[in-house]
Amino acid sequence: MELKSISSAYKTLSYDSVTSNNKKPKANHSSNSASEFVVISEDSLNLKKIKDAIDEAPEIRLPIVEKIKEKIRNNSYPIDLSIESALEVLQKYKIL
């Protein structure tokens, strides 16, 4: 289905692309325009780049995991062995 047929069916106005200085686009009152298109904002493009970078990042960051493992092996990683403090944290976050 073409956009121009939708535009003419609902008697809507088609718009030219947004200008670079963010002025409101001019209305094109002709429903017989040759083509219609969508302009994606720069903010949307930047968000897409951020999302793509997050999607490409590994879920588990192995260098950080290896550093923590090494600290645990050397007994230099701060581990709280108190069961009471662990229970307090679970109760604080309403896990128990």
PDB file of N, CA and C in Angstrom:
ATOM      1  N   MET A   1       0.853  -1.180   0.000  1.00  0.00           N
ATOM      2  CA  MET A   1       0.000   0.000   0.000  1.00  0.00           C
ATOM      3  C   MET A   1       0.891   1.232   0.000  1.00  0.00           C
ATOM      4  N   GLU A   2       0.595   2.170  -0.834  1.00  0.00           N
ATOM      5  CA  GLU A   2       1.405   3.372  -0.933  1.00  0.00           C
ATOM      6  C   GLU A   2       0.903   4.440   0.025  1.00  0.00           C
ATOM      7  N   LEU A   3       1.827   5.249   0.520  1.00  0.00           N
ATOM      8  CA  LEU A   3       1.461   6.320   1.437  1.00  0.00           C
ATOM      9  C   LEU A   3       0.573   7.357   0.770  1.00  0.00           C
ATOM     10  N   LYS A   4       0.803   7.614  -0.500  1.00  0.00           N
ATOM     11  CA  LYS A   4      -0.002   8.649  -1.140  1.00  0.00           C
ATOM     12  C   LYS A   4      -1.467   8.231  -1.245  1.00  0.00           C
ATOM     13  N   SER A   5      -1.731   6.935  -1.362  1.00  0.00           N
ATOM     14  CA  SER A   5      -3.126   6.508  -1.408  1.00  0.00           C
ATOM     15  C   SER A   5      -3.771   6.647  -0.032  1.00  0.00           C
ATOM     16  N   ILE A   6      -2.998   6.431   1.020  1.00  0.00           N
ATOM     17  CA  ILE A   6      -3.516   6.642   2.379  1.00  0.00           C
ATOM     18  C   ILE A   6      -3.787   8.121   2.600  1.00  0.00           C
ATOM     19  N   SER A   7      -2.840   8.961   2.161  1.00  0.00           N
ATOM     20  CA  SER A   7      -3.004  10.399   2.322  1.00  0.00           C
ATOM     21  C   SER A   7      -4.255  10.903   1.621  1.00  0.00           C
ATOM     22  N   SER A   8      -4.463  10.427   0.412  1.00  0.00           N
ATOM     23  CA  SER A   8      -5.633  10.914  -0.323  1.00  0.00           C
ATOM     24  C   SER A   8      -6.920  10.345   0.252  1.00  0.00           C
ATOM     25  N   ALA A   9      -6.878   9.112   0.780  1.00  0.00           N
ATOM     26  CA  ALA A   9      -8.083   8.504   1.343  1.00  0.00           C
ATOM     27  C   ALA A   9      -8.552   9.265   2.579  1.00  0.00           C
ATOM     28  N   TYR A  10      -7.602   9.721   3.393  1.00  0.00           N
ATOM     29  CA  TYR A  10      -7.964  10.430   4.627  1.00  0.00           C
ATOM     30  C   TYR A  10      -7.844  11.942   4.490  1.00  0.00           C
ATOM     31  N   LYS A  11      -7.579  12.399   3.283  1.00  0.00           N
ATOM     32  CA  LYS A  11      -7.447  13.825   2.986  1.00  0.00           C
ATOM     33  C   LYS A  11      -6.446  14.491   3.930  1.00  0.00           C
ATOM     34  N   THR A  12      -5.293  13.834   4.116  1.00  0.00           N
ATOM     35  CA  THR A  12      -4.238  14.392   4.959  1.00  0.00           C
ATOM     36  C   THR A  12      -3.275  15.179   4.103  1.00  0.00           C
ATOM     37  N   LEU A  13      -2.431  15.948   4.756  1.00  0.00           N
ATOM     38  CA  LEU A  13      -1.434  16.742   4.063  1.00  0.00           C
ATOM     39  C   LEU A  13      -0.103  16.015   4.111  1.00  0.00           C
ATOM     40  N   SER A  14       0.635  16.038   3.021  1.00  0.00           N
ATOM     41  CA  SER A  14       1.986  15.487   3.046  1.00  0.00           C
ATOM     42  C   SER A  14       2.949  16.629   3.336  1.00  0.00           C
ATOM     43  N   TYR A  15       4.077  16.307   3.931  1.00  0.00           N
ATOM     44  CA  TYR A  15       5.043  17.328   4.330  1.00  0.00           C
ATOM     45  C   TYR A  15       6.385  17.074   3.690  1.00  0.00           C
ATOM     46  N   ASP A  16       7.083  18.178   3.388  1.00  0.00           N
ATOM     47  CA  ASP A  16       8.453  18.072   2.924  1.00  0.00           C
ATOM     48  C   ASP A  16       9.327  17.761   4.135  1.00  0.00           C
ATOM     49  N   SER A  17      10.568  17.387   3.894  1.00  0.00           N
ATOM     50  CA  SER A  17      11.461  17.043   5.008  1.00  0.00           C
ATOM     51  C   SER A  17      11.713  18.253   5.903  1.00  0.00           C
ATOM     52  N   VAL A  18      12.075  17.968   7.142  1.00  0.00           N
ATOM     53  CA  VAL A  18      12.400  19.022   8.100  1.00  0.00           C
ATOM     54  C   VAL A  18      13.725  19.637   7.685  1.00  0.00           C
ATOM     55  N   THR A  19      13.802  20.954   7.752  1.00  0.00           N
ATOM     56  CA  THR A  19      15.035  21.622   7.371  1.00  0.00           C
ATOM     57  C   THR A  19      16.053  21.508   8.493  1.00  0.00           C
ATOM     58  N   SER A  20      17.310  21.740   8.175  1.00  0.00           N
ATOM     59  CA  SER A  20      18.383  21.583   9.152  1.00  0.00           C
ATOM     60  C   SER A  20      18.301  22.599  10.289  1.00  0.00           C
ATOM     61  N   ASN A  21      17.607  23.712  10.095  1.00  0.00           N
ATOM     62  CA  ASN A  21      17.499  24.697  11.166  1.00  0.00           C
ATOM     63  C   ASN A  21      16.221  24.503  11.982  1.00  0.00           C
ATOM     64  N   ASN A  22      15.630  23.307  11.891  1.00  0.00           N
ATOM     65  CA  ASN A  22      14.457  22.896  12.673  1.00  0.00           C
ATOM     66  C   ASN A  22      13.232  23.770  12.472  1.00  0.00           C
ATOM     67  N   LYS A  23      13.117  24.400  11.300  1.00  0.00           N
ATOM     68  CA  LYS A  23      11.901  25.146  10.995  1.00  0.00           C
ATOM     69  C   LYS A  23      10.792  24.155  10.682  1.00  0.00           C
ATOM     70  N   LYS A  24       9.582  24.562  10.935  1.00  0.00           N
ATOM     71  CA  LYS A  24       8.442  23.700  10.635  1.00  0.00           C
ATOM     72  C   LYS A  24       8.378  23.476   9.125  1.00  0.00           C
ATOM     73  N   PRO A  25       8.212  22.214   8.733  1.00  0.00           N
ATOM     74  CA  PRO A  25       8.168  21.941   7.289  1.00  0.00           C
ATOM     75  C   PRO A  25       6.944  22.559   6.628  1.00  0.00           C
ATOM     76  N   LYS A  26       7.082  22.817   5.339  1.00  0.00           N
ATOM     77  CA  LYS A  26       5.979  23.388   4.572  1.00  0.00           C
ATOM     78  C   LYS A  26       4.999  22.285   4.195  1.00  0.00           C
ATOM     79  N   ALA A  27       3.733  22.596   4.250  1.00  0.00           N
ATOM     80  CA  ALA A  27       2.717  21.624   3.860  1.00  0.00           C
ATOM     81  C   ALA A  27       2.671  21.534   2.345  1.00  0.00           C
ATOM     82  N   ASN A  28       2.528  20.345   1.866  1.00  0.00           N
ATOM     83  CA  ASN A  28       2.370  20.120   0.436  1.00  0.00           C
ATOM     84  C   ASN A  28       0.910  19.720   0.235  1.00  0.00           C
ATOM     85  N   HIS A  29       0.115  20.604  -0.272  1.00  0.00           N
ATOM     86  CA  HIS A  29      -1.325  20.374  -0.369  1.00  0.00           C
ATOM     87  C   HIS A  29      -1.704  19.456  -1.530  1.00  0.00           C
ATOM     88  N   SER A  30      -0.772  19.099  -2.329  1.00  0.00           N
ATOM     89  CA  SER A  30      -1.063  18.216  -3.455  1.00  0.00           C
ATOM     90  C   SER A  30      -1.030  16.767  -2.977  1.00  0.00           C
ATOM     91  N   SER A  31      -2.135  16.062  -3.143  1.00  0.00           N
ATOM     92  CA  SER A  31      -2.167  14.652  -2.747  1.00  0.00           C
ATOM     93  C   SER A  31      -1.592  13.761  -3.838  1.00  0.00           C
ATOM     94  N   ASN A  32      -1.192  14.362  -4.942  1.00  0.00           N
ATOM     95  CA  ASN A  32      -0.614  13.596  -6.043  1.00  0.00           C
ATOM     96  C   ASN A  32       0.904  13.708  -6.062  1.00  0.00           C
ATOM     97  N   SER A  33       1.514  13.892  -4.908  1.00  0.00           N
ATOM     98  CA  SER A  33       2.972  14.024  -4.872  1.00  0.00           C
ATOM     99  C   SER A  33       3.616  12.719  -5.316  1.00  0.00           C
ATOM    100  N   ALA A  34       4.792  12.827  -5.920  1.00  0.00           N
ATOM    101  CA  ALA A  34       5.462  11.663  -6.490  1.00  0.00           C
ATOM    102  C   ALA A  34       5.913  10.679  -5.427  1.00  0.00           C
ATOM    103  N   SER A  35       6.392  11.174  -4.303  1.00  0.00           N
ATOM    104  CA  SER A  35       6.853  10.267  -3.244  1.00  0.00           C
ATOM    105  C   SER A  35       6.756  10.964  -1.893  1.00  0.00           C
ATOM    106  N   GLU A  36       6.704  10.156  -0.874  1.00  0.00           N
ATOM    107  CA  GLU A  36       6.693  10.666   0.490  1.00  0.00           C
ATOM    108  C   GLU A  36       7.760   9.925   1.262  1.00  0.00           C
ATOM    109  N   PHE A  37       8.325  10.564   2.292  1.00  0.00           N
ATOM    110  CA  PHE A  37       9.396   9.928   3.038  1.00  0.00           C
ATOM    111  C   PHE A  37       9.367  10.399   4.480  1.00  0.00           C
ATOM    112  N   VAL A  38      10.098   9.704   5.305  1.00  0.00           N
ATOM    113  CA  VAL A  38      10.184  10.001   6.725  1.00  0.00           C
ATOM    114  C   VAL A  38      11.596  10.470   7.027  1.00  0.00           C
ATOM    115  N   VAL A  39      11.710  11.499   7.865  1.00  0.00           N
ATOM    116  CA  VAL A  39      13.017  11.995   8.275  1.00  0.00           C
ATOM    117  C   VAL A  39      13.248  11.560   9.717  1.00  0.00           C
ATOM    118  N   ILE A  40      14.384  10.927   9.970  1.00  0.00           N
ATOM    119  CA  ILE A  40      14.727  10.477  11.311  1.00  0.00           C
ATOM    120  C   ILE A  40      15.642  11.530  11.933  1.00  0.00           C
ATOM    121  N   SER A  41      15.316  11.948  13.144  1.00  0.00           N
ATOM    122  CA  SER A  41      16.086  13.010  13.790  1.00  0.00           C
ATOM    123  C   SER A  41      17.484  12.541  14.158  1.00  0.00           C
ATOM    124  N   GLU A  42      18.367  13.497  14.362  1.00  0.00           N
ATOM    125  CA  GLU A  42      19.738  13.184  14.763  1.00  0.00           C
ATOM    126  C   GLU A  42      19.760  12.507  16.129  1.00  0.00           C
ATOM    127  N   ASP A  43      18.868  12.924  17.030  1.00  0.00           N
ATOM    128  CA  ASP A  43      18.784  12.287  18.352  1.00  0.00           C
ATOM    129  C   ASP A  43      18.422  10.812  18.224  1.00  0.00           C
ATOM    130  N   SER A  44      17.493  10.502  17.343  1.00  0.00           N
ATOM    131  CA  SER A  44      17.106   9.111  17.131  1.00  0.00           C
ATOM    132  C   SER A  44      18.263   8.292  16.570  1.00  0.00           C
ATOM    133  N   LEU A  45      19.013   8.875  15.658  1.00  0.00           N
ATOM    134  CA  LEU A  45      20.171   8.182  15.092  1.00  0.00           C
ATOM    135  C   LEU A  45      21.233   7.931  16.165  1.00  0.00           C
ATOM    136  N   ASN A  46      21.435   8.918  17.047  1.00  0.00           N
ATOM    137  CA  ASN A  46      22.403   8.751  18.138  1.00  0.00           C
ATOM    138  C   ASN A  46      21.949   7.659  19.100  1.00  0.00           C
ATOM    139  N   LEU A  47      20.662   7.623  19.421  1.00  0.00           N
ATOM    140  CA  LEU A  47      20.149   6.566  20.295  1.00  0.00           C
ATOM    141  C   LEU A  47      20.336   5.194  19.655  1.00  0.00           C
ATOM    142  N   LYS A  48      20.157   5.110  18.360  1.00  0.00           N
ATOM    143  CA  LYS A  48      20.364   3.847  17.645  1.00  0.00           C
ATOM    144  C   LYS A  48      21.819   3.411  17.742  1.00  0.00           C
ATOM    145  N   LYS A  49      22.751   4.366  17.613  1.00  0.00           N
ATOM    146  CA  LYS A  49      24.174   4.034  17.726  1.00  0.00           C
ATOM    147  C   LYS A  49      24.496   3.521  19.133  1.00  0.00           C
ATOM    148  N   ILE A  50      23.915   4.157  20.148  1.00  0.00           N
ATOM    149  CA  ILE A  50      24.139   3.732  21.534  1.00  0.00           C
ATOM    150  C   ILE A  50      23.582   2.327  21.743  1.00  0.00           C
ATOM    151  N   LYS A  51      22.380   2.087  21.262  1.00  0.00           N
ATOM    152  CA  LYS A  51      21.763   0.764  21.406  1.00  0.00           C
ATOM    153  C   LYS A  51      22.606  -0.307  20.717  1.00  0.00           C
ATOM    154  N   ASP A  52      23.100  -0.003  19.519  1.00  0.00           N
ATOM    155  CA  ASP A  52      23.937  -0.954  18.793  1.00  0.00           C
ATOM    156  C   ASP A  52      25.223  -1.257  19.560  1.00  0.00           C
ATOM    157  N   ALA A  53      25.831  -0.218  20.162  1.00  0.00           N
ATOM    158  CA  ALA A  53      27.056  -0.425  20.938  1.00  0.00           C
ATOM    159  C   ALA A  53      26.785  -1.302  22.157  1.00  0.00           C
ATOM    160  N   ILE A  54      25.662  -1.098  22.816  1.00  0.00           N
ATOM    161  CA  ILE A  54      25.293  -1.919  23.974  1.00  0.00           C
ATOM    162  C   ILE A  54      25.045  -3.354  23.532  1.00  0.00           C
ATOM    163  N   ASP A  55      24.346  -3.523  22.430  1.00  0.00           N
ATOM    164  CA  ASP A  55      24.056  -4.876  21.921  1.00  0.00           C
ATOM    165  C   ASP A  55      25.327  -5.629  21.538  1.00  0.00           C
ATOM    166  N   GLU A  56      26.352  -4.905  21.074  1.00  0.00           N
ATOM    167  CA  GLU A  56      27.600  -5.538  20.659  1.00  0.00           C
ATOM    168  C   GLU A  56      28.521  -5.860  21.830  1.00  0.00           C
ATOM    169  N   ALA A  57      28.311  -5.189  22.974  1.00  0.00           N
ATOM    170  CA  ALA A  57      29.163  -5.427  24.139  1.00  0.00           C
ATOM    171  C   ALA A  57      28.890  -6.813  24.714  1.00  0.00           C
ATOM    172  N   PRO A  58      29.936  -7.477  25.177  1.00  0.00           N
ATOM    173  CA  PRO A  58      29.718  -8.813  25.759  1.00  0.00           C
ATOM    174  C   PRO A  58      28.916  -8.715  27.049  1.00  0.00           C
ATOM    175  N   GLU A  59      28.081  -9.718  27.265  1.00  0.00           N
ATOM    176  CA  GLU A  59      27.241  -9.722  28.459  1.00  0.00           C
ATOM    177  C   GLU A  59      28.087  -9.891  29.723  1.00  0.00           C
ATOM    178  N   ILE A  60      29.130 -10.708  29.641  1.00  0.00           N
ATOM    179  CA  ILE A  60      30.033 -10.918  30.773  1.00  0.00           C
ATOM    180  C   ILE A  60      31.385 -10.339  30.392  1.00  0.00           C
ATOM    181  N   ARG A  61      31.860  -9.411  31.211  1.00  0.00           N
ATOM    182  CA  ARG A  61      33.155  -8.788  30.937  1.00  0.00           C
ATOM    183  C   ARG A  61      34.248  -9.623  31.595  1.00  0.00           C
ATOM    184  N   LEU A  62      34.834 -10.481  30.821  1.00  0.00           N
ATOM    185  CA  LEU A  62      35.792 -11.458  31.323  1.00  0.00           C
ATOM    186  C   LEU A  62      37.004 -10.854  32.034  1.00  0.00           C
ATOM    187  N   PRO A  63      37.593  -9.753  31.577  1.00  0.00           N
ATOM    188  CA  PRO A  63      38.737  -9.197  32.311  1.00  0.00           C
ATOM    189  C   PRO A  63      38.377  -8.823  33.759  1.00  0.00           C
ATOM    190  N   ILE A  64      37.185  -8.282  33.953  1.00  0.00           N
ATOM    191  CA  ILE A  64      36.762  -7.910  35.311  1.00  0.00           C
ATOM    192  C   ILE A  64      36.531  -9.162  36.145  1.00  0.00           C
ATOM    193  N   VAL A  65      35.914 -10.173  35.560  1.00  0.00           N
ATOM    194  CA  VAL A  65      35.669 -11.428  36.276  1.00  0.00           C
ATOM    195  C   VAL A  65      36.988 -12.070  36.680  1.00  0.00           C
ATOM    196  N   GLU A  66      37.966 -12.056  35.782  1.00  0.00           N
ATOM    197  CA  GLU A  66      39.270 -12.657  36.086  1.00  0.00           C
ATOM    198  C   GLU A  66      39.972 -11.917  37.229  1.00  0.00           C
ATOM    199  N   LYS A  67      39.871 -10.572  37.255  1.00  0.00           N
ATOM    200  CA  LYS A  67      40.474  -9.807  38.358  1.00  0.00           C
ATOM    201  C   LYS A  67      39.842 -10.184  39.690  1.00  0.00           C
ATOM    202  N   ILE A  68      38.527 -10.324  39.709  1.00  0.00           N
ATOM    203  CA  ILE A  68      37.835 -10.691  40.950  1.00  0.00           C
ATOM    204  C   ILE A  68      38.225 -12.103  41.374  1.00  0.00           C
ATOM    205  N   LYS A  69      38.298 -13.026  40.425  1.00  0.00           N
ATOM    206  CA  LYS A  69      38.714 -14.397  40.743  1.00  0.00           C
ATOM    207  C   LYS A  69      40.113 -14.419  41.360  1.00  0.00           C
ATOM    208  N   GLU A  70      41.007 -13.630  40.787  1.00  0.00           N
ATOM    209  CA  GLU A  70      42.381 -13.571  41.301  1.00  0.00           C
ATOM    210  C   GLU A  70      42.403 -13.015  42.727  1.00  0.00           C
ATOM    211  N   LYS A  71      41.610 -11.984  42.985  1.00  0.00           N
ATOM    212  CA  LYS A  71      41.545 -11.419  44.338  1.00  0.00           C
ATOM    213  C   LYS A  71      40.988 -12.441  45.327  1.00  0.00           C
ATOM    214  N   ILE A  72      40.007 -13.223  44.903  1.00  0.00           N
ATOM    215  CA  ILE A  72      39.433 -14.255  45.777  1.00  0.00           C
ATOM    216  C   ILE A  72      40.493 -15.322  46.067  1.00  0.00           C
ATOM    217  N   ARG A  73      41.254 -15.741  45.049  1.00  0.00           N
ATOM    218  CA  ARG A  73      42.319 -16.731  45.241  1.00  0.00           C
ATOM    219  C   ARG A  73      43.381 -16.234  46.225  1.00  0.00           C
ATOM    220  N   ASN A  74      43.683 -14.934  46.169  1.00  0.00           N
ATOM    221  CA  ASN A  74      44.714 -14.344  47.032  1.00  0.00           C
ATOM    222  C   ASN A  74      44.164 -13.871  48.377  1.00  0.00           C
ATOM    223  N   ASN A  75      42.893 -14.148  48.640  1.00  0.00           N
ATOM    224  CA  ASN A  75      42.229 -13.690  49.872  1.00  0.00           C
ATOM    225  C   ASN A  75      42.293 -12.168  50.037  1.00  0.00           C
ATOM    226  N   SER A  76      42.264 -11.431  48.941  1.00  0.00           N
ATOM    227  CA  SER A  76      42.288  -9.969  49.021  1.00  0.00           C
ATOM    228  C   SER A  76      40.964  -9.339  48.572  1.00  0.00           C
ATOM    229  N   TYR A  77      39.985 -10.174  48.262  1.00  0.00           N
ATOM    230  CA  TYR A  77      38.662  -9.662  47.883  1.00  0.00           C
ATOM    231  C   TYR A  77      37.807  -9.598  49.140  1.00  0.00           C
ATOM    232  N   PRO A  78      37.207  -8.432  49.396  1.00  0.00           N
ATOM    233  CA  PRO A  78      36.422  -8.292  50.633  1.00  0.00           C
ATOM    234  C   PRO A  78      35.130  -9.112  50.578  1.00  0.00           C
ATOM    235  N   ILE A  79      35.109 -10.212  51.309  1.00  0.00           N
ATOM    236  CA  ILE A  79      33.928 -11.064  51.373  1.00  0.00           C
ATOM    237  C   ILE A  79      33.423 -11.044  52.806  1.00  0.00           C
ATOM    238  N   ASP A  80      32.174 -10.657  52.981  1.00  0.00           N
ATOM    239  CA  ASP A  80      31.567 -10.641  54.310  1.00  0.00           C
ATOM    240  C   ASP A  80      30.990 -12.027  54.573  1.00  0.00           C
ATOM    241  N   LEU A  81      31.576 -12.718  55.546  1.00  0.00           N
ATOM    242  CA  LEU A  81      31.161 -14.082  55.828  1.00  0.00           C
ATOM    243  C   LEU A  81      30.071 -14.155  56.894  1.00  0.00           C
ATOM    244  N   SER A  82      29.579 -13.028  57.346  1.00  0.00           N
ATOM    245  CA  SER A  82      28.576 -13.014  58.404  1.00  0.00           C
ATOM    246  C   SER A  82      27.198 -13.312  57.824  1.00  0.00           C
ATOM    247  N   ILE A  83      26.588 -14.382  58.301  1.00  0.00           N
ATOM    248  CA  ILE A  83      25.259 -14.758  57.819  1.00  0.00           C
ATOM    249  C   ILE A  83      24.219 -13.717  58.223  1.00  0.00           C
ATOM    250  N   GLU A  84      24.429 -13.086  59.385  1.00  0.00           N
ATOM    251  CA  GLU A  84      23.476 -12.064  59.843  1.00  0.00           C
ATOM    252  C   GLU A  84      23.440 -10.869  58.890  1.00  0.00           C
ATOM    253  N   SER A  85      24.621 -10.422  58.448  1.00  0.00           N
ATOM    254  CA  SER A  85      24.633  -9.265  57.541  1.00  0.00           C
ATOM    255  C   SER A  85      24.025  -9.634  56.184  1.00  0.00           C
ATOM    256  N   ALA A  86      24.235 -10.859  55.738  1.00  0.00           N
ATOM    257  CA  ALA A  86      23.627 -11.303  54.484  1.00  0.00           C
ATOM    258  C   ALA A  86      22.106 -11.328  54.607  1.00  0.00           C
ATOM    259  N   LEU A  87      21.609 -11.818  55.720  1.00  0.00           N
ATOM    260  CA  LEU A  87      20.158 -11.851  55.943  1.00  0.00           C
ATOM    261  C   LEU A  87      19.574 -10.447  56.019  1.00  0.00           C
ATOM    262  N   GLU A  88      20.311  -9.521  56.654  1.00  0.00           N
ATOM    263  CA  GLU A  88      19.842  -8.127  56.728  1.00  0.00           C
ATOM    264  C   GLU A  88      19.687  -7.517  55.330  1.00  0.00           C
ATOM    265  N   VAL A  89      20.639  -7.795  54.473  1.00  0.00           N
ATOM    266  CA  VAL A  89      20.566  -7.272  53.098  1.00  0.00           C
ATOM    267  C   VAL A  89      19.367  -7.864  52.373  1.00  0.00           C
ATOM    268  N   LEU A  90      19.148  -9.162  52.525  1.00  0.00           N
ATOM    269  CA  LEU A  90      18.008  -9.808  51.870  1.00  0.00           C
ATOM    270  C   LEU A  90      16.685  -9.256  52.390  1.00  0.00           C
ATOM    271  N   GLN A  91      16.619  -8.992  53.683  1.00  0.00           N
ATOM    272  CA  GLN A  91      15.400  -8.435  54.262  1.00  0.00           C
ATOM    273  C   GLN A  91      15.225  -6.962  53.816  1.00  0.00           C
ATOM    274  N   LYS A  92      16.303  -6.228  53.727  1.00  0.00           N
ATOM    275  CA  LYS A  92      16.261  -4.822  53.306  1.00  0.00           C
ATOM    276  C   LYS A  92      15.618  -4.711  51.918  1.00  0.00           C
ATOM    277  N   TYR A  93      15.983  -5.611  51.045  1.00  0.00           N
ATOM    278  CA  TYR A  93      15.456  -5.577  49.665  1.00  0.00           C
ATOM    279  C   TYR A  93      14.223  -6.471  49.504  1.00  0.00           C
ATOM    280  N   LYS A  94      13.691  -6.910  50.647  1.00  0.00           N
ATOM    281  CA  LYS A  94      12.454  -7.689  50.694  1.00  0.00           C
ATOM    282  C   LYS A  94      12.542  -8.948  49.830  1.00  0.00           C
ATOM    283  N   ILE A  95      13.707  -9.573  49.873  1.00  0.00           N
ATOM    284  CA  ILE A  95      13.892 -10.846  49.163  1.00  0.00           C
ATOM    285  C   ILE A  95      13.413 -11.988  50.046  1.00  0.00           C
ATOM    286  N   LEU A  96      13.542 -11.801  51.356  1.00  0.00           N
ATOM    287  CA  LEU A  96      13.051 -12.809  52.300  1.00  0.00           C
ATOM    288  C   LEU A  96      11.771 -12.351  52.946  1.00  0.00           C
TER     289      LEU A  96
END
